[in-house]
Amino acid sequence: MSQIGLDAFVQNEFAALGTDVLTAGKPVGDGLTARAAAELGLEPHTPVGSGVIDACVEFPSLLSLYAPRTEYG
């Protein structure tokens, strides 16, 4: 981690990640901060939804590659 400048991140036991776990699409905090909203041309407190890891989203599509074909697909 030191090679990419993340020593403090590791030493603090990844505390910057927080402890809240949200499911996909759940609101994150109070939405956009004033600064982020200004940079994006949006209103402060515009809702922000939590995301998912690509692997979780891609898994169902990978399964479809091996599923037997039906009259629907």
Protein backbone atom coordinates (compact mmCIF):
# COMPACT_ATOMS: atom_id res chain seq x y z
CA MET A 1 0.00 0.00 0.00
CA SER A 2 2.92 2.33 0.55
CA GLN A 3 3.72 2.23 -3.16
CA ILE A 4 0.40 3.91 -3.92
CA GLY A 5 0.29 6.23 -0.90
CA LEU A 6 -2.24 4.39 1.23
CA ASP A 7 -0.15 3.73 4.35
CA ALA A 8 -2.33 5.89 6.61
CA PHE A 9 -5.44 4.21 5.22
CA VAL A 10 -4.15 0.80 6.27
CA GLN A 11 -2.72 2.02 9.59
CA ASN A 12 -6.13 3.42 10.53
CA GLU A 13 -7.66 0.02 9.77
CA PHE A 14 -9.60 1.38 6.80
CA ALA A 15 -11.68 3.66 9.05
CA ALA A 16 -12.24 6.09 6.17
CA LEU A 17 -14.57 3.51 4.62
CA GLY A 18 -16.96 3.85 7.56
CA THR A 19 -19.15 1.13 9.01
CA ASP A 20 -22.50 1.76 7.32
CA VAL A 21 -23.50 -0.82 4.75
CA LEU A 22 -26.13 0.19 2.21
CA THR A 23 -27.92 -1.91 -0.37
CA ALA A 24 -28.03 -0.78 -3.97
CA GLY A 25 -30.01 2.38 -4.57
CA LYS A 26 -30.43 3.38 -0.92
CA PRO A 27 -30.02 7.12 -0.27
CA VAL A 28 -26.54 8.15 0.82
CA GLY A 29 -26.44 10.76 3.57
CA ASP A 30 -28.18 14.05 2.83
CA GLY A 31 -27.41 14.04 -0.88
CA LEU A 32 -24.93 16.29 -2.63
CA THR A 33 -22.92 18.79 -0.65
CA ALA A 34 -23.10 22.42 -1.75
CA ARG A 35 -19.65 22.14 -3.32
CA ALA A 36 -20.41 18.95 -5.25
CA ALA A 37 -23.75 20.35 -6.40
CA ALA A 38 -22.12 23.54 -7.65
CA GLU A 39 -19.46 21.59 -9.56
CA LEU A 40 -22.13 19.42 -11.18
CA GLY A 41 -24.63 22.22 -11.84
CA LEU A 42 -27.20 20.63 -9.52
CA GLU A 43 -29.01 21.68 -6.35
CA PRO A 44 -27.52 20.98 -2.92
CA HIS A 45 -29.03 17.89 -1.27
CA THR A 46 -29.82 16.29 -4.63
CA PRO A 47 -30.31 12.64 -3.67
CA VAL A 48 -27.43 10.25 -4.27
CA GLY A 49 -28.03 6.51 -4.40
CA SER A 50 -25.55 3.90 -3.28
CA GLY A 51 -23.93 1.85 -5.99
CA VAL A 52 -22.93 -1.76 -6.39
CA ILE A 53 -19.69 -3.42 -7.33
CA ASP A 54 -19.50 -4.28 -11.00
CA ALA A 55 -18.99 -7.95 -10.20
CA CYS A 56 -22.36 -8.11 -8.44
CA VAL A 57 -24.13 -6.49 -11.36
CA GLU A 58 -22.43 -8.62 -13.98
CA PHE A 59 -22.98 -11.98 -12.29
CA PRO A 60 -26.60 -12.51 -13.49
CA SER A 61 -25.60 -11.74 -17.07
CA LEU A 62 -22.79 -14.27 -16.86
CA LEU A 63 -25.25 -16.91 -15.69
CA SER A 64 -27.35 -16.28 -18.76
CA LEU A 65 -24.45 -17.43 -20.94
CA TYR A 66 -24.81 -20.91 -19.51
CA ALA A 67 -28.58 -21.09 -19.06
CA PRO A 68 -30.52 -23.34 -21.39
CA ARG A 69 -32.28 -21.44 -24.17
CA THR A 70 -36.07 -21.22 -23.99
CA GLU A 71 -38.72 -19.87 -26.31
CA TYR A 72 -38.19 -16.50 -24.56
CA GLY A 73 -34.49 -16.16 -25.17
